[in-house]
Amino acid sequence: DNAKNTVYLQMNSLKPEDTAIYYCNAELWTDYHWEWYW
């Protein structure tokens, strides 16, 4: 949802092997450069 600066992940039919820490990642433009954030 670009208006909310939000990304979603819908996960269905989950399996035990899906167990993990899930991290969000994005390339953002701030004042003077592009930078990857976690």
All heavy atoms as atom14 arrays in JSON, in Angstrom:
{
  "sequence": "DNAKNTVYLQMNSLKPEDTAIYYCNAELWTDYHWEWYW",
  "atom14_mask": [
    [1, 1, 1, 1, 1, 1, 1, 1, 0, 0, 0, 0, 0, 0],
    [1, 1, 1, 1, 1, 1, 1, 1, 0, 0, 0, 0, 0, 0],
    [1, 1, 1, 1, 1, 0, 0, 0, 0, 0, 0, 0, 0, 0],
    [1, 1, 1, 1, 1, 1, 1, 1, 1, 0, 0, 0, 0, 0],
    [1, 1, 1, 1, 1, 1, 1, 1, 0, 0, 0, 0, 0, 0],
    [1, 1, 1, 1, 1, 1, 1, 0, 0, 0, 0, 0, 0, 0],
    [1, 1, 1, 1, 1, 1, 1, 0, 0, 0, 0, 0, 0, 0],
    [1, 1, 1, 1, 1, 1, 1, 1, 1, 1, 1, 1, 0, 0],
    [1, 1, 1, 1, 1, 1, 1, 1, 0, 0, 0, 0, 0, 0],
    [1, 1, 1, 1, 1, 1, 1, 1, 1, 0, 0, 0, 0, 0],
    [1, 1, 1, 1, 1, 1, 1, 1, 0, 0, 0, 0, 0, 0],
    [1, 1, 1, 1, 1, 1, 1, 1, 0, 0, 0, 0, 0, 0],
    [1, 1, 1, 1, 1, 1, 0, 0, 0, 0, 0, 0, 0, 0],
    [1, 1, 1, 1, 1, 1, 1, 1, 0, 0, 0, 0, 0, 0],
    [1, 1, 1, 1, 1, 1, 1, 1, 1, 0, 0, 0, 0, 0],
    [1, 1, 1, 1, 1, 1, 1, 0, 0, 0, 0, 0, 0, 0],
    [1, 1, 1, 1, 1, 1, 1, 1, 1, 0, 0, 0, 0, 0],
    [1, 1, 1, 1, 1, 1, 1, 1, 0, 0, 0, 0, 0, 0],
    [1, 1, 1, 1, 1, 1, 1, 0, 0, 0, 0, 0, 0, 0],
    [1, 1, 1, 1, 1, 0, 0, 0, 0, 0, 0, 0, 0, 0],
    [1, 1, 1, 1, 1, 1, 1, 1, 0, 0, 0, 0, 0, 0],
    [1, 1, 1, 1, 1, 1, 1, 1, 1, 1, 1, 1, 0, 0],
    [1, 1, 1, 1, 1, 1, 1, 1, 1, 1, 1, 1, 0, 0],
    [1, 1, 1, 1, 1, 1, 0, 0, 0, 0, 0, 0, 0, 0],
    [1, 1, 1, 1, 1, 1, 1, 1, 0, 0, 0, 0, 0, 0],
    [1, 1, 1, 1, 1, 0, 0, 0, 0, 0, 0, 0, 0, 0],
    [1, 1, 1, 1, 1, 1, 1, 1, 1, 0, 0, 0, 0, 0],
    [1, 1, 1, 1, 1, 1, 1, 1, 0, 0, 0, 0, 0, 0],
    [1, 1, 1, 1, 1, 1, 1, 1, 1, 1, 1, 1, 1, 1],
    [1, 1, 1, 1, 1, 1, 1, 0, 0, 0, 0, 0, 0, 0],
    [1, 1, 1, 1, 1, 1, 1, 1, 0, 0, 0, 0, 0, 0],
    [1, 1, 1, 1, 1, 1, 1, 1, 1, 1, 1, 1, 0, 0],
    [1, 1, 1, 1, 1, 1, 1, 1, 1, 1, 0, 0, 0, 0],
    [1, 1, 1, 1, 1, 1, 1, 1, 1, 1, 1, 1, 1, 1],
    [1, 1, 1, 1, 1, 1, 1, 1, 1, 0, 0, 0, 0, 0],
    [1, 1, 1, 1, 1, 1, 1, 1, 1, 1, 1, 1, 1, 1],
    [1, 1, 1, 1, 1, 1, 1, 1, 1, 1, 1, 1, 0, 0],
    [1, 1, 1, 1, 1, 1, 1, 1, 1, 1, 1, 1, 1, 1]
  ],
  "atom14_positions": [
    [[0.87, -1.16, 0.0], [0.0, 0.0, 0.0], [0.92, 1.22, 0.0], [1.47, 1.58, 1.04], [-0.91, -0.01, 1.22], [-1.93, 1.12, 1.22], [-1.69, 2.15, 0.56], [-2.97, 0.97, 1.88], [0.0, 0.0, 0.0], [0.0, 0.0, 0.0], [0.0, 0.0, 0.0], [0.0, 0.0, 0.0], [0.0, 0.0, 0.0], [0.0, 0.0, 0.0]],
    [[1.09, 1.83, -1.17], [2.04, 2.93, -1.29], [1.64, 4.15, -0.46], [2.5, 4.89, 0.02], [2.19, 3.33, -2.76], [2.91, 2.27, -3.57], [3.77, 1.55, -3.07], [2.56, 2.17, -4.85], [0.0, 0.0, 0.0], [0.0, 0.0, 0.0], [0.0, 0.0, 0.0], [0.0, 0.0, 0.0], [0.0, 0.0, 0.0], [0.0, 0.0, 0.0]],
    [[0.35, 4.37, -0.3], [-0.12, 5.5, 0.49], [0.27, 5.36, 1.96], [0.38, 6.36, 2.67], [-1.63, 5.67, 0.35], [0.0, 0.0, 0.0], [0.0, 0.0, 0.0], [0.0, 0.0, 0.0], [0.0, 0.0, 0.0], [0.0, 0.0, 0.0], [0.0, 0.0, 0.0], [0.0, 0.0, 0.0], [0.0, 0.0, 0.0], [0.0, 0.0, 0.0]],
    [[0.43, 4.12, 2.41], [0.78, 3.86, 3.8], [2.23, 3.44, 3.99], [2.63, 3.12, 5.11], [-0.14, 2.78, 4.38], [-1.6, 3.17, 4.46], [-2.42, 2.07, 5.1], [-3.87, 2.5, 5.26], [-4.69, 1.44, 5.9], [0.0, 0.0, 0.0], [0.0, 0.0, 0.0], [0.0, 0.0, 0.0], [0.0, 0.0, 0.0], [0.0, 0.0, 0.0]],
    [[3.01, 3.42, 2.91], [4.4, 2.98, 2.96], [4.51, 1.61, 3.63], [5.4, 1.37, 4.46], [5.27, 4.0, 3.71], [5.5, 5.26, 2.92], [5.21, 5.34, 1.73], [6.04, 6.28, 3.59], [0.0, 0.0, 0.0], [0.0, 0.0, 0.0], [0.0, 0.0, 0.0], [0.0, 0.0, 0.0], [0.0, 0.0, 0.0], [0.0, 0.0, 0.0]],
    [[3.63, 0.71, 3.25], [3.52, -0.58, 3.91], [3.58, -1.73, 2.9], [2.98, -1.65, 1.83], [2.22, -0.68, 4.71], [2.18, 0.37, 5.7], [2.11, -2.02, 5.42], [0.0, 0.0, 0.0], [0.0, 0.0, 0.0], [0.0, 0.0, 0.0], [0.0, 0.0, 0.0], [0.0, 0.0, 0.0], [0.0, 0.0, 0.0], [0.0, 0.0, 0.0]],
    [[4.28, -2.79, 3.27], [4.31, -4.02, 2.49], [3.77, -5.14, 3.36], [4.0, -5.17, 4.57], [5.74, -4.33, 1.97], [6.71, -4.54, 3.13], [5.72, -5.54, 1.04], [0.0, 0.0, 0.0], [0.0, 0.0, 0.0], [0.0, 0.0, 0.0], [0.0, 0.0, 0.0], [0.0, 0.0, 0.0], [0.0, 0.0, 0.0], [0.0, 0.0, 0.0]],
    [[3.04, -6.07, 2.74], [2.42, -7.18, 3.45], [2.9, -8.5, 2.89], [3.31, -8.61, 1.73], [0.89, -7.13, 3.32], [0.27, -5.82, 3.74], [0.01, -4.82, 2.8], [-0.07, -5.59, 5.07], [-0.58, -3.63, 3.19], [-0.64, -4.39, 5.45], [-0.9, -3.42, 4.51], [-1.47, -2.22, 4.89], [0.0, 0.0, 0.0], [0.0, 0.0, 0.0]],
    [[2.8, -9.53, 3.72], [3.06, -10.89, 3.28], [1.96, -11.78, 3.84], [1.9, -12.0, 5.05], [4.43, -11.38, 3.74], [4.81, -12.78, 3.26], [5.04, -12.78, 1.75], [6.07, -13.28, 3.98], [0.0, 0.0, 0.0], [0.0, 0.0, 0.0], [0.0, 0.0, 0.0], [0.0, 0.0, 0.0], [0.0, 0.0, 0.0], [0.0, 0.0, 0.0]],
    [[1.1, -12.29, 2.96], [0.06, -13.23, 3.35], [0.62, -14.63, 3.18], [1.03, -15.02, 2.09], [-1.18, -13.05, 2.48], [-2.31, -14.03, 2.78], [-2.92, -13.8, 4.14], [-3.2, -12.67, 4.51], [-3.13, -14.88, 4.89], [0.0, 0.0, 0.0], [0.0, 0.0, 0.0], [0.0, 0.0, 0.0], [0.0, 0.0, 0.0], [0.0, 0.0, 0.0]],
    [[0.64, -15.4, 4.26], [1.2, -16.74, 4.27], [0.09, -17.74, 4.55], [-0.54, -17.68, 5.61], [2.31, -16.86, 5.31], [3.43, -15.85, 5.14], [4.79, -16.08, 6.31], [3.94, -15.65, 7.84], [0.0, 0.0, 0.0], [0.0, 0.0, 0.0], [0.0, 0.0, 0.0], [0.0, 0.0, 0.0], [0.0, 0.0, 0.0], [0.0, 0.0, 0.0]],
    [[-0.15, -18.65, 3.62], [-1.17, -19.67, 3.75], [-0.55, -21.06, 3.73], [0.58, -21.25, 3.29], [-2.19, -19.55, 2.61], [-2.92, -18.23, 2.6], [-3.23, -17.67, 3.65], [-3.21, -17.73, 1.4], [0.0, 0.0, 0.0], [0.0, 0.0, 0.0], [0.0, 0.0, 0.0], [0.0, 0.0, 0.0], [0.0, 0.0, 0.0], [0.0, 0.0, 0.0]],
    [[-1.33, -22.04, 4.19], [-0.87, -23.44, 4.22], [0.51, -23.56, 4.84], [1.4, -24.21, 4.29], [-0.89, -24.02, 2.8], [-2.19, -23.96, 2.24], [0.0, 0.0, 0.0], [0.0, 0.0, 0.0], [0.0, 0.0, 0.0], [0.0, 0.0, 0.0], [0.0, 0.0, 0.0], [0.0, 0.0, 0.0], [0.0, 0.0, 0.0], [0.0, 0.0, 0.0]],
    [[0.69, -22.95, 5.98], [2.0, -22.9, 6.61], [2.48, -24.28, 7.05], [1.68, -25.13, 7.45], [1.97, -21.95, 7.8], [1.98, -20.47, 7.42], [1.56, -19.61, 8.61], [3.38, -20.06, 6.95], [0.0, 0.0, 0.0], [0.0, 0.0, 0.0], [0.0, 0.0, 0.0], [0.0, 0.0, 0.0], [0.0, 0.0, 0.0], [0.0, 0.0, 0.0]],
    [[3.79, -24.47, 6.95], [4.44, -25.71, 7.32], [5.47, -25.44, 8.41], [5.96, -24.33, 8.54], [5.15, -26.31, 6.09], [4.26, -26.52, 4.89], [5.09, -26.97, 3.69], [4.21, -27.16, 2.47], [5.01, -27.58, 1.29], [0.0, 0.0, 0.0], [0.0, 0.0, 0.0], [0.0, 0.0, 0.0], [0.0, 0.0, 0.0], [0.0, 0.0, 0.0]],
    [[5.81, -26.46, 9.2], [6.83, -26.27, 10.24], [8.14, -25.7, 9.69], [8.81, -24.93, 10.39], [7.02, -27.68, 10.81], [5.69, -28.32, 10.62], [5.19, -27.8, 9.29], [0.0, 0.0, 0.0], [0.0, 0.0, 0.0], [0.0, 0.0, 0.0], [0.0, 0.0, 0.0], [0.0, 0.0, 0.0], [0.0, 0.0, 0.0], [0.0, 0.0, 0.0]],
    [[8.52, -26.07, 8.48], [9.75, -25.57, 7.9], [9.69, -24.09, 7.54], [10.72, -23.51, 7.16], [10.17, -26.39, 6.67], [9.05, -26.58, 5.67], [8.34, -27.91, 5.83], [8.04, -28.29, 6.98], [8.09, -28.59, 4.81], [0.0, 0.0, 0.0], [0.0, 0.0, 0.0], [0.0, 0.0, 0.0], [0.0, 0.0, 0.0], [0.0, 0.0, 0.0]],
    [[8.52, -23.47, 7.65], [8.4, -22.03, 7.46], [8.82, -21.26, 8.71], [8.91, -20.03, 8.67], [6.97, -21.64, 7.08], [6.56, -22.18, 5.72], [7.38, -22.16, 4.8], [5.39, -22.61, 5.6], [0.0, 0.0, 0.0], [0.0, 0.0, 0.0], [0.0, 0.0, 0.0], [0.0, 0.0, 0.0], [0.0, 0.0, 0.0], [0.0, 0.0, 0.0]],
    [[9.04, -21.95, 9.81], [9.44, -21.3, 11.05], [10.76, -20.56, 10.86], [11.75, -21.14, 10.43], [9.58, -22.33, 12.17], [8.3, -22.92, 12.45], [10.11, -21.69, 13.44], [0.0, 0.0, 0.0], [0.0, 0.0, 0.0], [0.0, 0.0, 0.0], [0.0, 0.0, 0.0], [0.0, 0.0, 0.0], [0.0, 0.0, 0.0], [0.0, 0.0, 0.0]],
    [[10.76, -19.27, 11.17], [11.93, -18.43, 10.97], [11.63, -17.02, 11.48], [10.49, -16.7, 11.8], [12.32, -18.37, 9.49], [0.0, 0.0, 0.0], [0.0, 0.0, 0.0], [0.0, 0.0, 0.0], [0.0, 0.0, 0.0], [0.0, 0.0, 0.0], [0.0, 0.0, 0.0], [0.0, 0.0, 0.0], [0.0, 0.0, 0.0], [0.0, 0.0, 0.0]],
    [[12.66, -16.2, 11.53], [12.46, -14.77, 11.7], [12.3, -14.16, 10.32], [13.13, -14.39, 9.44], [13.64, -14.11, 12.44], [13.82, -14.72, 13.83], [13.41, -12.61, 12.56], [15.03, -14.2, 14.58], [0.0, 0.0, 0.0], [0.0, 0.0, 0.0], [0.0, 0.0, 0.0], [0.0, 0.0, 0.0], [0.0, 0.0, 0.0], [0.0, 0.0, 0.0]],
    [[11.24, -13.41, 10.13], [10.95, -12.79, 8.84], [11.33, -11.32, 8.89], [10.9, -10.58, 9.79], [9.48, -12.96, 8.49], [9.15, -14.36, 8.03], [9.16, -15.43, 8.92], [8.85, -14.62, 6.7], [8.89, -16.71, 8.51], [8.58, -15.91, 6.27], [8.6, -16.95, 7.17], [8.32, -18.23, 6.75], [0.0, 0.0, 0.0], [0.0, 0.0, 0.0]],
    [[12.14, -10.89, 7.92], [12.66, -9.53, 7.87], [12.1, -8.77, 6.68], [12.04, -9.3, 5.57], [14.18, -9.53, 7.77], [14.89, -10.12, 8.96], [15.23, -11.46, 9.01], [15.24, -9.32, 10.05], [15.9, -12.0, 10.09], [15.91, -9.84, 11.14], [16.23, -11.19, 11.16], [16.9, -11.72, 12.24], [0.0, 0.0, 0.0], [0.0, 0.0, 0.0]],
    [[11.76, -7.53, 6.91], [11.36, -6.62, 5.85], [12.59, -5.91, 5.29], [13.53, -5.59, 6.03], [10.35, -5.61, 6.4], [9.78, -4.37, 5.22], [0.0, 0.0, 0.0], [0.0, 0.0, 0.0], [0.0, 0.0, 0.0], [0.0, 0.0, 0.0], [0.0, 0.0, 0.0], [0.0, 0.0, 0.0], [0.0, 0.0, 0.0], [0.0, 0.0, 0.0]],
    [[12.58, -5.65, 4.0], [13.69, -4.98, 3.31], [13.12, -3.98, 2.32], [12.11, -4.25, 1.66], [14.55, -6.03, 2.61], [15.57, -5.44, 1.66], [15.43, -5.54, 0.44], [16.59, -4.82, 2.21], [0.0, 0.0, 0.0], [0.0, 0.0, 0.0], [0.0, 0.0, 0.0], [0.0, 0.0, 0.0], [0.0, 0.0, 0.0], [0.0, 0.0, 0.0]],
    [[13.76, -2.81, 2.21], [13.28, -1.81, 1.26], [14.42, -0.88, 0.86], [15.32, -0.59, 1.66], [12.14, -0.99, 1.86], [0.0, 0.0, 0.0], [0.0, 0.0, 0.0], [0.0, 0.0, 0.0], [0.0, 0.0, 0.0], [0.0, 0.0, 0.0], [0.0, 0.0, 0.0], [0.0, 0.0, 0.0], [0.0, 0.0, 0.0], [0.0, 0.0, 0.0]],
    [[14.37, -0.41, -0.4], [15.3, 0.59, -0.89], [14.61, 1.95, -0.8], [13.6, 2.18, -1.45], [15.73, 0.3, -2.32], [16.83, 1.21, -2.81], [17.25, 0.9, -4.23], [16.45, 0.31, -4.98], [18.39, 1.27, -4.61], [0.0, 0.0, 0.0], [0.0, 0.0, 0.0], [0.0, 0.0, 0.0], [0.0, 0.0, 0.0], [0.0, 0.0, 0.0]],
    [[15.18, 2.84, 0.01], [14.57, 4.12, 0.31], [15.46, 5.28, -0.11], [16.68, 5.22, 0.02], [14.3, 4.25, 1.82], [13.56, 3.09, 2.49], [13.44, 3.35, 3.99], [12.19, 2.89, 1.87], [0.0, 0.0, 0.0], [0.0, 0.0, 0.0], [0.0, 0.0, 0.0], [0.0, 0.0, 0.0], [0.0, 0.0, 0.0], [0.0, 0.0, 0.0]],
    [[14.83, 6.35, -0.62], [15.53, 7.59, -0.93], [15.3, 8.56, 0.21], [14.15, 8.91, 0.51], [15.05, 8.19, -2.25], [15.71, 9.5, -2.57], [15.22, 10.74, -2.35], [16.99, 9.68, -3.18], [16.1, 11.69, -2.78], [17.21, 11.06, -3.3], [17.97, 8.81, -3.64], [18.37, 11.6, -3.85], [19.13, 9.34, -4.19], [19.32, 10.71, -4.29]],
    [[16.38, 9.0, 0.83], [16.26, 9.97, 1.9], [16.68, 11.35, 1.37], [16.1, 11.83, 0.41], [17.1, 9.54, 3.12], [18.46, 9.35, 2.74], [16.56, 8.24, 3.68], [0.0, 0.0, 0.0], [0.0, 0.0, 0.0], [0.0, 0.0, 0.0], [0.0, 0.0, 0.0], [0.0, 0.0, 0.0], [0.0, 0.0, 0.0], [0.0, 0.0, 0.0]],
    [[17.66, 11.99, 1.96], [18.03, 13.34, 1.55], [18.97, 13.39, 0.35], [18.88, 14.3, -0.47], [18.66, 14.1, 2.71], [17.63, 14.6, 3.71], [16.44, 14.64, 3.37], [18.03, 14.95, 4.84], [0.0, 0.0, 0.0], [0.0, 0.0, 0.0], [0.0, 0.0, 0.0], [0.0, 0.0, 0.0], [0.0, 0.0, 0.0], [0.0, 0.0, 0.0]],
    [[19.85, 12.4, 0.24], [20.89, 12.53, -0.79], [21.29, 11.25, -1.49], [22.14, 11.28, -2.38], [22.14, 13.17, -0.18], [22.84, 12.32, 0.86], [23.91, 11.5, 0.5], [22.44, 12.35, 2.18], [24.56, 10.72, 1.44], [23.08, 11.56, 3.13], [24.13, 10.76, 2.75], [24.77, 9.98, 3.69], [0.0, 0.0, 0.0], [0.0, 0.0, 0.0]],
    [[20.7, 10.11, -1.12], [21.07, 8.86, -1.77], [20.03, 7.77, -1.54], [19.16, 7.9, -0.68], [22.45, 8.4, -1.29], [22.47, 7.86, 0.11], [21.71, 8.36, 1.12], [23.21, 6.85, 0.65], [21.95, 7.69, 2.23], [22.87, 6.78, 1.96], [0.0, 0.0, 0.0], [0.0, 0.0, 0.0], [0.0, 0.0, 0.0], [0.0, 0.0, 0.0]],
    [[20.14, 6.7, -2.35], [19.35, 5.49, -2.13], [20.1, 4.61, -1.14], [21.31, 4.47, -1.2], [19.16, 4.72, -3.43], [18.23, 5.36, -4.4], [18.57, 6.1, -5.49], [16.8, 5.31, -4.36], [17.44, 6.52, -6.15], [16.34, 6.05, -5.48], [15.87, 4.72, -3.51], [14.98, 6.21, -5.75], [14.52, 4.88, -3.79], [14.09, 5.61, -4.89]],
    [[19.33, 4.01, -0.26], [19.93, 3.15, 0.75], [18.99, 2.0, 1.08], [17.77, 2.18, 1.16], [20.26, 3.93, 2.02], [20.96, 3.13, 3.09], [21.38, 3.96, 4.29], [21.28, 5.2, 4.22], [21.81, 3.37, 5.29], [0.0, 0.0, 0.0], [0.0, 0.0, 0.0], [0.0, 0.0, 0.0], [0.0, 0.0, 0.0], [0.0, 0.0, 0.0]],
    [[19.56, 0.8, 1.24], [18.78, -0.37, 1.63], [18.64, -0.4, 3.14], [19.61, -0.24, 3.88], [19.44, -1.65, 1.14], [19.3, -1.83, -0.34], [20.2, -1.51, -1.3], [18.16, -2.39, -1.02], [19.71, -1.82, -2.54], [18.46, -2.36, -2.4], [16.93, -2.89, -0.59], [17.57, -2.82, -3.37], [16.04, -3.36, -1.55], [16.37, -3.32, -2.92]],
    [[17.41, -0.65, 3.6], [17.11, -0.74, 5.02], [16.53, -2.1, 5.35], [15.87, -2.73, 4.52], [16.12, 0.34, 5.44], [16.69, 1.73, 5.48], [16.8, 2.49, 4.32], [17.11, 2.3, 6.68], [17.32, 3.77, 4.35], [17.63, 3.58, 6.71], [17.73, 4.31, 5.54], [18.25, 5.58, 5.59], [0.0, 0.0, 0.0], [0.0, 0.0, 0.0]],
    [[16.78, -2.54, 6.57], [16.24, -3.79, 7.09], [15.45, -3.53, 8.36], [15.84, -2.7, 9.19], [17.35, -4.78, 7.42], [18.05, -5.33, 6.21], [19.16, -4.83, 5.61], [17.68, -6.49, 5.48], [19.51, -5.61, 4.54], [18.62, -6.64, 4.44], [16.65, -7.43, 5.61], [18.55, -7.69, 3.52], [16.58, -8.46, 4.69], [17.53, -8.58, 3.67]]
  ]
}
